[in-house]
């Protein structure tokens, strides 16, 4: 006769076995900043830590380490019954990454803000990833293999007010608002994580940067940026926990 303790152990072993056979959530964090160890990279690493602490797998991709170009307008991805329908036909160093991302569980687009927009490297990457999944029908229907969870990480010199009023705009018509709308069209609506008014130089006195107040930047770095990193960490935990 099985006693109560043996029965409880059997139930626990069954749960452990089920948990071990579950697919680990995999999140790709796409970093388009050319500077490792700086603001955007720190945000990416904090997000990754959140993913991992929630039991997921986070992988940072450094776009500037790869040789690739943006969309070449060959339209092979739109050719009916073509062998490359729905995927980028051009092969280079991001091709295997595009394939892996399409079957992952989530993607983070992390970029410093250049001229009020995502970096050129990020936009080239987005062209290669998103455009093949967008049908040319009236609704621009997505044919992506999965509706991935998404997030965007922005780091910038400007204040939150300038970011929201000029780069996003209330009607989402700003450059970054449009960027996010295409991500949502293909996958899911991205969660937005921002670091405003960031500390850009290690020593402001060495650079022609009189528009910025070095003391204010230092205060932001010491008092606000740690909170931004925590926000990125918590966002990583949320994405891996869904």
C-alpha atoms as a PDB file:
ATOM      1  CA  UNK A   1       0.000   0.000   0.000  1.00  0.00           C
ATOM      2  CA  UNK A   2       1.383   3.411  -1.034  1.00  0.00           C
ATOM      3  CA  UNK A   3       1.693   5.811   1.893  1.00  0.00           C
ATOM      4  CA  UNK A   4       0.912   9.525   1.688  1.00  0.00           C
ATOM      5  CA  UNK A   5       4.575  10.578   1.589  1.00  0.00           C
ATOM      6  CA  UNK A   6       5.351   8.253  -1.338  1.00  0.00           C
ATOM      7  CA  UNK A   7       2.327   9.564  -3.217  1.00  0.00           C
ATOM      8  CA  UNK A   8       3.424  13.184  -2.684  1.00  0.00           C
ATOM      9  CA  UNK A   9       6.947  12.376  -3.900  1.00  0.00           C
ATOM     10  CA  UNK A  10       5.520  10.785  -7.047  1.00  0.00           C
ATOM     11  CA  UNK A  11       3.468  13.903  -7.766  1.00  0.00           C
ATOM     12  CA  UNK A  12       6.495  16.160  -7.243  1.00  0.00           C
ATOM     13  CA  UNK A  13       8.671  14.012  -9.520  1.00  0.00           C
ATOM     14  CA  UNK A  14       6.003  14.159 -12.206  1.00  0.00           C
ATOM     15  CA  UNK A  15       5.863  17.965 -11.968  1.00  0.00           C
ATOM     16  CA  UNK A  16       9.660  18.208 -12.118  1.00  0.00           C
ATOM     17  CA  UNK A  17       9.706  15.996 -15.204  1.00  0.00           C
ATOM     18  CA  UNK A  18       7.024  18.084 -16.900  1.00  0.00           C
ATOM     19  CA  UNK A  19       8.943  21.274 -16.092  1.00  0.00           C
ATOM     20  CA  UNK A  20      12.180  19.840 -17.465  1.00  0.00           C
ATOM     21  CA  UNK A  21      10.525  18.920 -20.758  1.00  0.00           C
ATOM     22  CA  UNK A  22       9.016  22.367 -21.279  1.00  0.00           C
ATOM     23  CA  UNK A  23      10.669  24.459 -23.967  1.00  0.00           C
ATOM     24  CA  UNK A  24      12.839  27.214 -22.529  1.00  0.00           C
ATOM     25  CA  UNK A  25      11.716  30.677 -23.590  1.00  0.00           C
ATOM     26  CA  UNK A  26      14.333  32.181 -25.937  1.00  0.00           C
ATOM     27  CA  UNK A  27      14.623  35.939 -26.371  1.00  0.00           C
ATOM     28  CA  UNK A  28      16.872  37.701 -28.903  1.00  0.00           C
ATOM     29  CA  UNK A  29      18.141  41.152 -27.898  1.00  0.00           C
ATOM     30  CA  UNK A  30      19.304  43.068 -30.970  1.00  0.00           C
ATOM     31  CA  UNK A  31      21.833  45.756 -30.030  1.00  0.00           C
ATOM     32  CA  UNK A  32      22.502  48.282 -32.776  1.00  0.00           C
ATOM     33  CA  UNK A  33      24.852  50.480 -30.754  1.00  0.00           C
ATOM     34  CA  UNK A  34      28.484  50.521 -31.922  1.00  0.00           C
ATOM     35  CA  UNK A  35      29.687  51.049 -28.338  1.00  0.00           C
ATOM     36  CA  UNK A  36      29.977  47.993 -26.122  1.00  0.00           C
ATOM     37  CA  UNK A  37      29.800  48.538 -22.400  1.00  0.00           C
ATOM     38  CA  UNK A  38      27.982  51.842 -22.714  1.00  0.00           C
ATOM     39  CA  UNK A  39      24.350  52.932 -22.235  1.00  0.00           C
ATOM     40  CA  UNK A  40      22.524  50.769 -24.774  1.00  0.00           C
ATOM     41  CA  UNK A  41      24.673  47.744 -24.039  1.00  0.00           C
ATOM     42  CA  UNK A  42      24.109  48.111 -20.303  1.00  0.00           C
ATOM     43  CA  UNK A  43      20.355  48.242 -20.888  1.00  0.00           C
ATOM     44  CA  UNK A  44      20.540  45.128 -23.060  1.00  0.00           C
ATOM     45  CA  UNK A  45      22.522  43.229 -20.446  1.00  0.00           C
ATOM     46  CA  UNK A  46      20.078  44.224 -17.734  1.00  0.00           C
ATOM     47  CA  UNK A  47      17.154  43.036 -19.874  1.00  0.00           C
ATOM     48  CA  UNK A  48      19.000  39.757 -20.528  1.00  0.00           C
ATOM     49  CA  UNK A  49      19.554  39.247 -16.811  1.00  0.00           C
ATOM     50  CA  UNK A  50      15.832  39.693 -16.227  1.00  0.00           C
ATOM     51  CA  UNK A  51      15.041  37.101 -18.899  1.00  0.00           C
ATOM     52  CA  UNK A  52      17.454  34.609 -17.370  1.00  0.00           C
ATOM     53  CA  UNK A  53      16.288  35.169 -13.812  1.00  0.00           C
ATOM     54  CA  UNK A  54      12.758  34.384 -14.989  1.00  0.00           C
ATOM     55  CA  UNK A  55      13.969  31.057 -16.383  1.00  0.00           C
ATOM     56  CA  UNK A  56      14.375  32.102 -20.016  1.00  0.00           C
ATOM     57  CA  UNK A  57      17.356  32.265 -22.340  1.00  0.00           C
ATOM     58  CA  UNK A  58      18.519  35.666 -23.512  1.00  0.00           C
ATOM     59  CA  UNK A  59      20.939  36.208 -26.381  1.00  0.00           C
ATOM     60  CA  UNK A  60      22.423  39.596 -27.312  1.00  0.00           C
ATOM     61  CA  UNK A  61      23.256  40.131 -30.988  1.00  0.00           C
ATOM     62  CA  UNK A  62      25.709  42.952 -31.707  1.00  0.00           C
ATOM     63  CA  UNK A  63      24.784  44.177 -35.186  1.00  0.00           C
ATOM     64  CA  UNK A  64      27.978  46.167 -35.605  1.00  0.00           C
ATOM     65  CA  UNK A  65      29.992  42.944 -35.341  1.00  0.00           C
ATOM     66  CA  UNK A  66      28.244  41.591 -38.452  1.00  0.00           C
ATOM     67  CA  UNK A  67      28.675  42.328 -42.152  1.00  0.00           C
ATOM     68  CA  UNK A  68      25.265  42.861 -43.736  1.00  0.00           C
ATOM     69  CA  UNK A  69      23.147  45.349 -45.654  1.00  0.00           C
ATOM     70  CA  UNK A  70      19.527  46.450 -45.636  1.00  0.00           C
ATOM     71  CA  UNK A  71      16.813  45.468 -48.087  1.00  0.00           C
ATOM     72  CA  UNK A  72      18.045  45.203 -51.701  1.00  0.00           C
ATOM     73  CA  UNK A  73      14.557  45.574 -53.244  1.00  0.00           C
ATOM     74  CA  UNK A  74      14.782  42.310 -55.157  1.00  0.00           C
ATOM     75  CA  UNK A  75      11.193  41.468 -54.079  1.00  0.00           C
ATOM     76  CA  UNK A  76      11.933  37.738 -54.062  1.00  0.00           C
ATOM     77  CA  UNK A  77      10.110  37.636 -50.725  1.00  0.00           C
ATOM     78  CA  UNK A  78       6.922  38.764 -52.507  1.00  0.00           C
ATOM     79  CA  UNK A  79       7.127  36.430 -55.545  1.00  0.00           C
ATOM     80  CA  UNK A  80       4.069  34.156 -55.658  1.00  0.00           C
ATOM     81  CA  UNK A  81       5.059  30.503 -55.325  1.00  0.00           C
ATOM     82  CA  UNK A  82       8.703  31.582 -55.225  1.00  0.00           C
ATOM     83  CA  UNK A  83      11.172  29.593 -53.154  1.00  0.00           C
ATOM     84  CA  UNK A  84      11.908  32.678 -51.054  1.00  0.00           C
ATOM     85  CA  UNK A  85       8.327  33.838 -50.558  1.00  0.00           C
ATOM     86  CA  UNK A  86       8.010  35.290 -47.053  1.00  0.00           C
ATOM     87  CA  UNK A  87      11.736  35.341 -46.320  1.00  0.00           C
ATOM     88  CA  UNK A  88      14.747  37.404 -47.321  1.00  0.00           C
ATOM     89  CA  UNK A  89      16.517  35.870 -50.317  1.00  0.00           C
ATOM     90  CA  UNK A  90      19.828  37.649 -49.808  1.00  0.00           C
ATOM     91  CA  UNK A  91      22.442  35.694 -47.898  1.00  0.00           C
ATOM     92  CA  UNK A  92      24.981  37.297 -45.577  1.00  0.00           C
ATOM     93  CA  UNK A  93      26.021  37.198 -41.933  1.00  0.00           C
ATOM     94  CA  UNK A  94      22.574  37.966 -40.498  1.00  0.00           C
ATOM     95  CA  UNK A  95      20.732  35.330 -42.544  1.00  0.00           C
ATOM     96  CA  UNK A  96      21.011  32.549 -39.929  1.00  0.00           C
ATOM     97  CA  UNK A  97      20.070  35.042 -37.203  1.00  0.00           C
ATOM     98  CA  UNK A  98      16.912  36.056 -39.084  1.00  0.00           C
ATOM     99  CA  UNK A  99      15.942  32.405 -39.362  1.00  0.00           C
ATOM    100  CA  UNK A 100      16.558  31.753 -35.660  1.00  0.00           C
ATOM    101  CA  UNK A 101      14.640  34.846 -34.554  1.00  0.00           C
ATOM    102  CA  UNK A 102      11.555  33.886 -36.558  1.00  0.00           C
ATOM    103  CA  UNK A 103      11.191  30.724 -34.474  1.00  0.00           C
ATOM    104  CA  UNK A 104      12.143  32.223 -31.084  1.00  0.00           C
ATOM    105  CA  UNK A 105       9.758  33.537 -28.428  1.00  0.00           C
ATOM    106  CA  UNK A 106      10.607  37.209 -28.403  1.00  0.00           C
ATOM    107  CA  UNK A 107      12.770  39.977 -29.808  1.00  0.00           C
ATOM    108  CA  UNK A 108      14.076  43.253 -28.418  1.00  0.00           C
ATOM    109  CA  UNK A 109      15.087  46.098 -30.718  1.00  0.00           C
ATOM    110  CA  UNK A 110      17.705  48.131 -28.814  1.00  0.00           C
ATOM    111  CA  UNK A 111      19.042  51.310 -30.361  1.00  0.00           C
ATOM    112  CA  UNK A 112      20.583  54.638 -29.509  1.00  0.00           C
ATOM    113  CA  UNK A 113      18.595  57.512 -31.012  1.00  0.00           C
ATOM    114  CA  UNK A 114      20.258  59.211 -33.979  1.00  0.00           C
ATOM    115  CA  UNK A 115      18.552  62.291 -35.475  1.00  0.00           C
ATOM    116  CA  UNK A 116      15.337  61.427 -33.646  1.00  0.00           C
ATOM    117  CA  UNK A 117      15.176  57.927 -35.070  1.00  0.00           C
ATOM    118  CA  UNK A 118      16.538  54.409 -34.715  1.00  0.00           C
ATOM    119  CA  UNK A 119      20.132  54.006 -35.854  1.00  0.00           C
ATOM    120  CA  UNK A 120      20.833  53.256 -39.511  1.00  0.00           C
ATOM    121  CA  UNK A 121      22.130  49.808 -38.592  1.00  0.00           C
ATOM    122  CA  UNK A 122      18.903  49.011 -36.741  1.00  0.00           C
ATOM    123  CA  UNK A 123      16.772  50.217 -39.651  1.00  0.00           C
ATOM    124  CA  UNK A 124      18.740  48.029 -42.063  1.00  0.00           C
ATOM    125  CA  UNK A 125      18.192  45.063 -39.769  1.00  0.00           C
ATOM    126  CA  UNK A 126      14.470  45.833 -39.429  1.00  0.00           C
ATOM    127  CA  UNK A 127      14.116  45.983 -43.215  1.00  0.00           C
ATOM    128  CA  UNK A 128      15.603  42.519 -43.561  1.00  0.00           C
ATOM    129  CA  UNK A 129      13.544  41.032 -40.718  1.00  0.00           C
ATOM    130  CA  UNK A 130      10.154  42.708 -41.103  1.00  0.00           C
ATOM    131  CA  UNK A 131       9.610  43.433 -44.798  1.00  0.00           C
ATOM    132  CA  UNK A 132       9.466  39.791 -45.997  1.00  0.00           C
ATOM    133  CA  UNK A 133       6.666  39.099 -43.497  1.00  0.00           C
ATOM    134  CA  UNK A 134       4.431  41.937 -44.704  1.00  0.00           C
ATOM    135  CA  UNK A 135       1.951  41.095 -47.443  1.00  0.00           C
ATOM    136  CA  UNK A 136       1.038  43.728 -49.982  1.00  0.00           C
ATOM    137  CA  UNK A 137      -2.682  43.463 -49.255  1.00  0.00           C
ATOM    138  CA  UNK A 138      -4.967  46.231 -47.979  1.00  0.00           C
ATOM    139  CA  UNK A 139      -4.183  45.409 -44.342  1.00  0.00           C
ATOM    140  CA  UNK A 140      -0.460  44.687 -44.780  1.00  0.00           C
ATOM    141  CA  UNK A 141      -1.151  41.278 -43.237  1.00  0.00           C
ATOM    142  CA  UNK A 142       1.702  39.575 -41.394  1.00  0.00           C
ATOM    143  CA  UNK A 143       2.808  36.125 -42.546  1.00  0.00           C
ATOM    144  CA  UNK A 144       5.469  35.753 -39.841  1.00  0.00           C
ATOM    145  CA  UNK A 145       5.755  32.177 -38.512  1.00  0.00           C
ATOM    146  CA  UNK A 146       4.996  33.407 -34.979  1.00  0.00           C
ATOM    147  CA  UNK A 147       3.561  36.510 -33.321  1.00  0.00           C
ATOM    148  CA  UNK A 148       6.675  37.176 -31.255  1.00  0.00           C
ATOM    149  CA  UNK A 149       6.682  39.128 -28.006  1.00  0.00           C
ATOM    150  CA  UNK A 150       8.541  42.369 -28.613  1.00  0.00           C
ATOM    151  CA  UNK A 151      10.145  45.294 -26.838  1.00  0.00           C
ATOM    152  CA  UNK A 152      12.139  48.366 -27.828  1.00  0.00           C
ATOM    153  CA  UNK A 153      15.000  49.849 -25.841  1.00  0.00           C
ATOM    154  CA  UNK A 154      15.896  53.466 -26.603  1.00  0.00           C
ATOM    155  CA  UNK A 155      18.837  55.418 -25.196  1.00  0.00           C
ATOM    156  CA  UNK A 156      19.136  59.127 -25.971  1.00  0.00           C
ATOM    157  CA  UNK A 157      20.617  62.475 -25.014  1.00  0.00           C
ATOM    158  CA  UNK A 158      17.290  64.308 -25.000  1.00  0.00           C
ATOM    159  CA  UNK A 159      14.652  64.630 -22.292  1.00  0.00           C
ATOM    160  CA  UNK A 160      11.505  62.556 -22.003  1.00  0.00           C
ATOM    161  CA  UNK A 161       9.424  65.549 -23.156  1.00  0.00           C
ATOM    162  CA  UNK A 162      11.372  65.977 -26.410  1.00  0.00           C
ATOM    163  CA  UNK A 163      11.285  62.225 -27.012  1.00  0.00           C
ATOM    164  CA  UNK A 164       7.517  61.979 -26.591  1.00  0.00           C
ATOM    165  CA  UNK A 165       6.577  65.233 -28.329  1.00  0.00           C
ATOM    166  CA  UNK A 166       8.931  65.047 -31.315  1.00  0.00           C
ATOM    167  CA  UNK A 167      10.130  61.483 -31.834  1.00  0.00           C
ATOM    168  CA  UNK A 168       6.913  59.609 -30.966  1.00  0.00           C
ATOM    169  CA  UNK A 169       4.149  62.257 -31.116  1.00  0.00           C
ATOM    170  CA  UNK A 170       0.694  61.845 -29.602  1.00  0.00           C
ATOM    171  CA  UNK A 171      -0.743  60.242 -32.745  1.00  0.00           C
ATOM    172  CA  UNK A 172       2.290  57.930 -33.110  1.00  0.00           C
ATOM    173  CA  UNK A 173       3.266  59.703 -36.331  1.00  0.00           C
ATOM    174  CA  UNK A 174       6.812  60.479 -35.227  1.00  0.00           C
ATOM    175  CA  UNK A 175       9.722  58.535 -36.650  1.00  0.00           C
ATOM    176  CA  UNK A 176       9.920  56.147 -33.708  1.00  0.00           C
ATOM    177  CA  UNK A 177       6.148  55.884 -33.537  1.00  0.00           C
ATOM    178  CA  UNK A 178       6.141  54.591 -37.114  1.00  0.00           C
ATOM    179  CA  UNK A 179       9.039  52.254 -36.346  1.00  0.00           C
ATOM    180  CA  UNK A 180       7.045  50.693 -33.528  1.00  0.00           C
ATOM    181  CA  UNK A 181       3.878  50.473 -35.621  1.00  0.00           C
ATOM    182  CA  UNK A 182       5.594  48.218 -38.163  1.00  0.00           C
ATOM    183  CA  UNK A 183       6.940  45.977 -35.418  1.00  0.00           C
ATOM    184  CA  UNK A 184       3.391  45.650 -34.078  1.00  0.00           C
ATOM    185  CA  UNK A 185       2.061  44.978 -37.570  1.00  0.00           C
ATOM    186  CA  UNK A 186       4.354  41.967 -37.965  1.00  0.00           C
ATOM    187  CA  UNK A 187       4.629  40.681 -34.380  1.00  0.00           C
ATOM    188  CA  UNK A 188       3.114  42.050 -31.154  1.00  0.00           C
ATOM    189  CA  UNK A 189       2.963  45.591 -29.796  1.00  0.00           C
ATOM    190  CA  UNK A 190       6.386  46.360 -28.320  1.00  0.00           C
ATOM    191  CA  UNK A 191       6.933  47.290 -24.713  1.00  0.00           C
ATOM    192  CA  UNK A 192       8.952  50.516 -24.597  1.00  0.00           C
ATOM    193  CA  UNK A 193      11.938  50.899 -22.253  1.00  0.00           C
ATOM    194  CA  UNK A 194      13.798  54.212 -22.334  1.00  0.00           C
ATOM    195  CA  UNK A 195      16.860  55.895 -20.913  1.00  0.00           C
ATOM    196  CA  UNK A 196      16.560  59.668 -21.395  1.00  0.00           C
ATOM    197  CA  UNK A 197      19.187  62.387 -21.100  1.00  0.00           C
ATOM    198  CA  UNK A 198      21.999  59.838 -20.932  1.00  0.00           C
ATOM    199  CA  UNK A 199      25.650  60.391 -20.046  1.00  0.00           C
ATOM    200  CA  UNK A 200      27.376  60.232 -23.419  1.00  0.00           C
ATOM    201  CA  UNK A 201      31.047  61.048 -22.772  1.00  0.00           C
ATOM    202  CA  UNK A 202      33.439  59.930 -20.067  1.00  0.00           C
ATOM    203  CA  UNK A 203      34.754  63.503 -19.802  1.00  0.00           C
ATOM    204  CA  UNK A 204      32.636  66.310 -21.242  1.00  0.00           C
ATOM    205  CA  UNK A 205      35.507  68.803 -20.998  1.00  0.00           C
ATOM    206  CA  UNK A 206      37.367  66.961 -23.759  1.00  0.00           C
ATOM    207  CA  UNK A 207      34.589  67.312 -26.319  1.00  0.00           C
ATOM    208  CA  UNK A 208      32.851  70.103 -28.199  1.00  0.00           C
ATOM    209  CA  UNK A 209      29.554  69.621 -26.373  1.00  0.00           C
ATOM    210  CA  UNK A 210      28.653  72.956 -24.821  1.00  0.00           C
ATOM    211  CA  UNK A 211      24.915  72.355 -25.318  1.00  0.00           C
ATOM    212  CA  UNK A 212      25.004  69.745 -22.544  1.00  0.00           C
ATOM    213  CA  UNK A 213      25.383  70.427 -18.839  1.00  0.00           C
ATOM    214  CA  UNK A 214      28.023  67.958 -17.633  1.00  0.00           C
ATOM    215  CA  UNK A 215      26.854  68.221 -14.021  1.00  0.00           C
ATOM    216  CA  UNK A 216      23.278  67.465 -15.007  1.00  0.00           C
ATOM    217  CA  UNK A 217      24.452  64.521 -17.073  1.00  0.00           C
ATOM    218  CA  UNK A 218      26.469  63.180 -14.156  1.00  0.00           C
ATOM    219  CA  UNK A 219      23.456  63.517 -11.845  1.00  0.00           C
ATOM    220  CA  UNK A 220      21.326  61.617 -14.355  1.00  0.00           C
ATOM    221  CA  UNK A 221      23.956  58.905 -14.603  1.00  0.00           C
ATOM    222  CA  UNK A 222      24.151  58.428 -10.844  1.00  0.00           C
ATOM    223  CA  UNK A 223      20.490  58.850  -9.909  1.00  0.00           C
ATOM    224  CA  UNK A 224      18.286  58.040 -12.901  1.00  0.00           C
ATOM    225  CA  UNK A 225      20.148  55.545 -15.075  1.00  0.00           C
ATOM    226  CA  UNK A 226      20.147  52.850 -12.344  1.00  0.00           C
ATOM    227  CA  UNK A 227      16.341  53.090 -12.393  1.00  0.00           C
ATOM    228  CA  UNK A 228      16.388  52.731 -16.193  1.00  0.00           C
ATOM    229  CA  UNK A 229      18.482  49.583 -15.835  1.00  0.00           C
ATOM    230  CA  UNK A 230      16.003  48.209 -13.300  1.00  0.00           C
ATOM    231  CA  UNK A 231      13.144  48.925 -15.713  1.00  0.00           C
ATOM    232  CA  UNK A 232      14.990  46.966 -18.406  1.00  0.00           C
ATOM    233  CA  UNK A 233      15.553  44.100 -15.976  1.00  0.00           C
ATOM    234  CA  UNK A 234      11.888  43.959 -15.003  1.00  0.00           C
ATOM    235  CA  UNK A 235      10.834  44.093 -18.661  1.00  0.00           C
ATOM    236  CA  UNK A 236      13.089  41.115 -19.352  1.00  0.00           C
ATOM    237  CA  UNK A 237      11.453  39.179 -16.544  1.00  0.00           C
ATOM    238  CA  UNK A 238       7.996  40.007 -17.902  1.00  0.00           C
ATOM    239  CA  UNK A 239       8.814  38.925 -21.434  1.00  0.00           C
ATOM    240  CA  UNK A 240      10.221  35.585 -20.276  1.00  0.00           C
ATOM    241  CA  UNK A 241       7.315  34.968 -17.902  1.00  0.00           C
ATOM    242  CA  UNK A 242       4.419  35.350 -20.356  1.00  0.00           C
END
